[in-house]
Amino acid sequence: MDFNQDWKYLFTSFEGRINRAPFWAGVVVLFLVSLVVTFVLGLLHLSFLGNLFALVMVYPGVALYAKRWHDRSKSGWWSLVMLIPLLGLIYAIYEIGIQEGVPEDNQYGSNPLARA
């Protein structure tokens, strides 16, 4: 992960662009946090809190996805494509997880790799 990016920005801001490295780092962090919290809630038999936790985790996930869509020169609203069963998820993984960002500056900011 680019250490110039802070975690608060990564999970709370819908502004700007990020490249693939901070995106995948964020995905791993969200996955691990979800795994630990789900495990603890399961041990405590508090599954009803699991639903609330899942709802709360939507915000940092969408913030992460939006910045990555911006790097592809697309609106963060493209995150909604993941609501299409299977094909939407496959397309999103390809677009924001595999494809490089556009090299030029766009309406969402400068190329995050150009700052390095």
C-alpha atoms as a PDB file:
ATOM      1  CA  MET A   1       0.000   0.000   0.000  1.00  0.00           C
ATOM      2  CA  ASP A   2       1.134   3.524  -0.705  1.00  0.00           C
ATOM      3  CA  PHE A   3       1.946   4.809   2.770  1.00  0.00           C
ATOM      4  CA  ASN A   4       1.090   8.357   1.682  1.00  0.00           C
ATOM      5  CA  GLN A   5      -2.557   7.268   1.776  1.00  0.00           C
ATOM      6  CA  ASP A   6      -4.021   7.115   5.257  1.00  0.00           C
ATOM      7  CA  TRP A   7      -6.576   4.551   6.373  1.00  0.00           C
ATOM      8  CA  LYS A   8      -9.203   7.159   7.247  1.00  0.00           C
ATOM      9  CA  TYR A   9      -9.107   8.531   3.700  1.00  0.00           C
ATOM     10  CA  LEU A  10      -9.203   5.032   2.266  1.00  0.00           C
ATOM     11  CA  PHE A  11     -12.364   3.967   4.123  1.00  0.00           C
ATOM     12  CA  THR A  12     -14.327   7.197   4.574  1.00  0.00           C
ATOM     13  CA  SER A  13     -13.760   9.476   1.587  1.00  0.00           C
ATOM     14  CA  PHE A  14     -15.548   9.222  -1.736  1.00  0.00           C
ATOM     15  CA  GLU A  15     -13.174  11.777  -3.287  1.00  0.00           C
ATOM     16  CA  GLY A  16     -10.095  11.176  -5.389  1.00  0.00           C
ATOM     17  CA  ARG A  17      -8.443   8.178  -6.936  1.00  0.00           C
ATOM     18  CA  ILE A  18      -6.497   5.156  -5.691  1.00  0.00           C
ATOM     19  CA  ASN A  19      -4.542   2.591  -7.626  1.00  0.00           C
ATOM     20  CA  ARG A  20      -4.792  -1.178  -7.300  1.00  0.00           C
ATOM     21  CA  ALA A  21      -2.342  -1.633  -4.399  1.00  0.00           C
ATOM     22  CA  PRO A  22      -4.257   0.441  -1.822  1.00  0.00           C
ATOM     23  CA  PHE A  23      -7.514  -0.965  -3.192  1.00  0.00           C
ATOM     24  CA  TRP A  24      -6.479  -4.571  -2.569  1.00  0.00           C
ATOM     25  CA  ALA A  25      -4.932  -3.644   0.803  1.00  0.00           C
ATOM     26  CA  GLY A  26      -8.278  -2.103   1.764  1.00  0.00           C
ATOM     27  CA  VAL A  27     -10.181  -5.157   0.561  1.00  0.00           C
ATOM     28  CA  VAL A  28      -7.950  -7.418   2.680  1.00  0.00           C
ATOM     29  CA  VAL A  29      -8.388  -5.198   5.761  1.00  0.00           C
ATOM     30  CA  LEU A  30     -12.181  -5.110   5.369  1.00  0.00           C
ATOM     31  CA  PHE A  31     -12.249  -8.881   4.861  1.00  0.00           C
ATOM     32  CA  LEU A  32     -10.122  -9.578   7.944  1.00  0.00           C
ATOM     33  CA  VAL A  33     -12.116  -7.179  10.134  1.00  0.00           C
ATOM     34  CA  SER A  34     -15.344  -8.788   8.942  1.00  0.00           C
ATOM     35  CA  LEU A  35     -13.964 -12.254   9.595  1.00  0.00           C
ATOM     36  CA  VAL A  36     -12.861 -11.437  13.156  1.00  0.00           C
ATOM     37  CA  VAL A  37     -16.041  -9.563  14.100  1.00  0.00           C
ATOM     38  CA  THR A  38     -18.272 -12.268  12.630  1.00  0.00           C
ATOM     39  CA  PHE A  39     -16.323 -14.940  14.528  1.00  0.00           C
ATOM     40  CA  VAL A  40     -16.549 -13.050  17.827  1.00  0.00           C
ATOM     41  CA  LEU A  41     -20.254 -12.310  17.381  1.00  0.00           C
ATOM     42  CA  GLY A  42     -20.828 -15.976  16.558  1.00  0.00           C
ATOM     43  CA  LEU A  43     -19.014 -17.076  19.724  1.00  0.00           C
ATOM     44  CA  LEU A  44     -21.118 -14.686  21.765  1.00  0.00           C
ATOM     45  CA  HIS A  45     -24.321 -15.793  20.013  1.00  0.00           C
ATOM     46  CA  LEU A  46     -25.009 -12.205  18.955  1.00  0.00           C
ATOM     47  CA  SER A  47     -25.841 -12.906  15.334  1.00  0.00           C
ATOM     48  CA  PHE A  48     -28.410 -10.092  15.292  1.00  0.00           C
ATOM     49  CA  LEU A  49     -25.485  -7.670  15.693  1.00  0.00           C
ATOM     50  CA  GLY A  50     -23.906  -9.327  12.667  1.00  0.00           C
ATOM     51  CA  ASN A  51     -26.590  -7.848  10.455  1.00  0.00           C
ATOM     52  CA  LEU A  52     -25.977  -4.391  11.876  1.00  0.00           C
ATOM     53  CA  PHE A  53     -22.227  -4.833  11.425  1.00  0.00           C
ATOM     54  CA  ALA A  54     -22.710  -5.903   7.792  1.00  0.00           C
ATOM     55  CA  LEU A  55     -24.744  -2.778   7.170  1.00  0.00           C
ATOM     56  CA  VAL A  56     -22.046  -0.595   8.734  1.00  0.00           C
ATOM     57  CA  MET A  57     -19.347  -2.253   6.574  1.00  0.00           C
ATOM     58  CA  VAL A  58     -21.130  -1.161   3.384  1.00  0.00           C
ATOM     59  CA  TYR A  59     -19.934   2.437   3.827  1.00  0.00           C
ATOM     60  CA  PRO A  60     -16.148   1.776   3.908  1.00  0.00           C
ATOM     61  CA  GLY A  61     -16.502  -0.746   1.102  1.00  0.00           C
ATOM     62  CA  VAL A  62     -18.326   1.647  -1.189  1.00  0.00           C
ATOM     63  CA  ALA A  63     -15.869   4.450  -0.335  1.00  0.00           C
ATOM     64  CA  LEU A  64     -13.028   2.145  -1.372  1.00  0.00           C
ATOM     65  CA  TYR A  65     -14.796   1.075  -4.582  1.00  0.00           C
ATOM     66  CA  ALA A  66     -15.736   4.638  -5.546  1.00  0.00           C
ATOM     67  CA  LYS A  67     -12.118   5.831  -5.483  1.00  0.00           C
ATOM     68  CA  ARG A  68     -11.070   2.852  -7.569  1.00  0.00           C
ATOM     69  CA  TRP A  69     -13.850   3.502 -10.129  1.00  0.00           C
ATOM     70  CA  HIS A  70     -12.612   7.097 -10.248  1.00  0.00           C
ATOM     71  CA  ASP A  71      -9.149   5.809 -11.153  1.00  0.00           C
ATOM     72  CA  ARG A  72     -10.808   4.066 -14.089  1.00  0.00           C
ATOM     73  CA  SER A  73     -12.396   7.433 -15.033  1.00  0.00           C
ATOM     74  CA  LYS A  74     -15.891   6.275 -14.061  1.00  0.00           C
ATOM     75  CA  SER A  75     -18.385   7.463 -11.480  1.00  0.00           C
ATOM     76  CA  GLY A  76     -18.482   5.746  -8.102  1.00  0.00           C
ATOM     77  CA  TRP A  77     -22.088   4.908  -8.942  1.00  0.00           C
ATOM     78  CA  TRP A  78     -20.647   2.105 -11.078  1.00  0.00           C
ATOM     79  CA  SER A  79     -20.428   0.201  -7.775  1.00  0.00           C
ATOM     80  CA  LEU A  80     -24.107  -0.568  -8.315  1.00  0.00           C
ATOM     81  CA  VAL A  81     -23.100  -2.934 -11.118  1.00  0.00           C
ATOM     82  CA  MET A  82     -22.239  -5.414  -8.350  1.00  0.00           C
ATOM     83  CA  LEU A  83     -25.954  -5.779  -7.649  1.00  0.00           C
ATOM     84  CA  ILE A  84     -26.264  -7.740 -10.919  1.00  0.00           C
ATOM     85  CA  PRO A  85     -25.880 -11.374  -9.864  1.00  0.00           C
ATOM     86  CA  LEU A  86     -22.535 -12.950 -10.798  1.00  0.00           C
ATOM     87  CA  LEU A  87     -21.865 -10.981 -14.001  1.00  0.00           C
ATOM     88  CA  GLY A  88     -21.837  -7.664 -12.162  1.00  0.00           C
ATOM     89  CA  LEU A  89     -19.346  -8.946  -9.628  1.00  0.00           C
ATOM     90  CA  ILE A  90     -17.124 -10.445 -12.333  1.00  0.00           C
ATOM     91  CA  TYR A  91     -17.185  -7.169 -14.272  1.00  0.00           C
ATOM     92  CA  ALA A  92     -16.399  -5.133 -11.154  1.00  0.00           C
ATOM     93  CA  ILE A  93     -13.479  -7.373 -10.190  1.00  0.00           C
ATOM     94  CA  TYR A  94     -12.087  -7.039 -13.700  1.00  0.00           C
ATOM     95  CA  GLU A  95     -12.558  -3.256 -13.881  1.00  0.00           C
ATOM     96  CA  ILE A  96     -11.459  -2.166 -10.425  1.00  0.00           C
ATOM     97  CA  GLY A  97      -9.368  -5.109  -9.290  1.00  0.00           C
ATOM     98  CA  ILE A  98      -7.360  -5.996 -12.382  1.00  0.00           C
ATOM     99  CA  GLN A  99      -7.354  -3.112 -14.859  1.00  0.00           C
ATOM    100  CA  GLU A 100      -4.862  -0.274 -14.463  1.00  0.00           C
ATOM    101  CA  GLY A 101      -6.186   3.202 -13.849  1.00  0.00           C
ATOM    102  CA  VAL A 102      -6.209   5.712 -16.666  1.00  0.00           C
ATOM    103  CA  PRO A 103      -2.747   7.284 -16.911  1.00  0.00           C
ATOM    104  CA  GLU A 104      -3.915  10.846 -17.456  1.00  0.00           C
ATOM    105  CA  ASP A 105      -5.524  13.178 -14.945  1.00  0.00           C
ATOM    106  CA  ASN A 106      -9.319  13.055 -14.999  1.00  0.00           C
ATOM    107  CA  GLN A 107     -12.237  14.848 -13.362  1.00  0.00           C
ATOM    108  CA  TYR A 108     -11.586  12.899 -10.132  1.00  0.00           C
ATOM    109  CA  GLY A 109      -7.939  13.891  -9.722  1.00  0.00           C
ATOM    110  CA  SER A 110      -4.435  13.185 -10.842  1.00  0.00           C
ATOM    111  CA  ASN A 111      -3.002   9.754 -11.499  1.00  0.00           C
ATOM    112  CA  PRO A 112      -2.108   8.306  -8.060  1.00  0.00           C
ATOM    113  CA  LEU A 113       0.967   6.615  -9.535  1.00  0.00           C
ATOM    114  CA  ALA A 114       2.260   9.929 -10.908  1.00  0.00           C
ATOM    115  CA  ARG A 115       2.689  11.200  -7.325  1.00  0.00           C
ATOM    116  CA  ALA A 116       5.064   8.381  -6.431  1.00  0.00           C
END
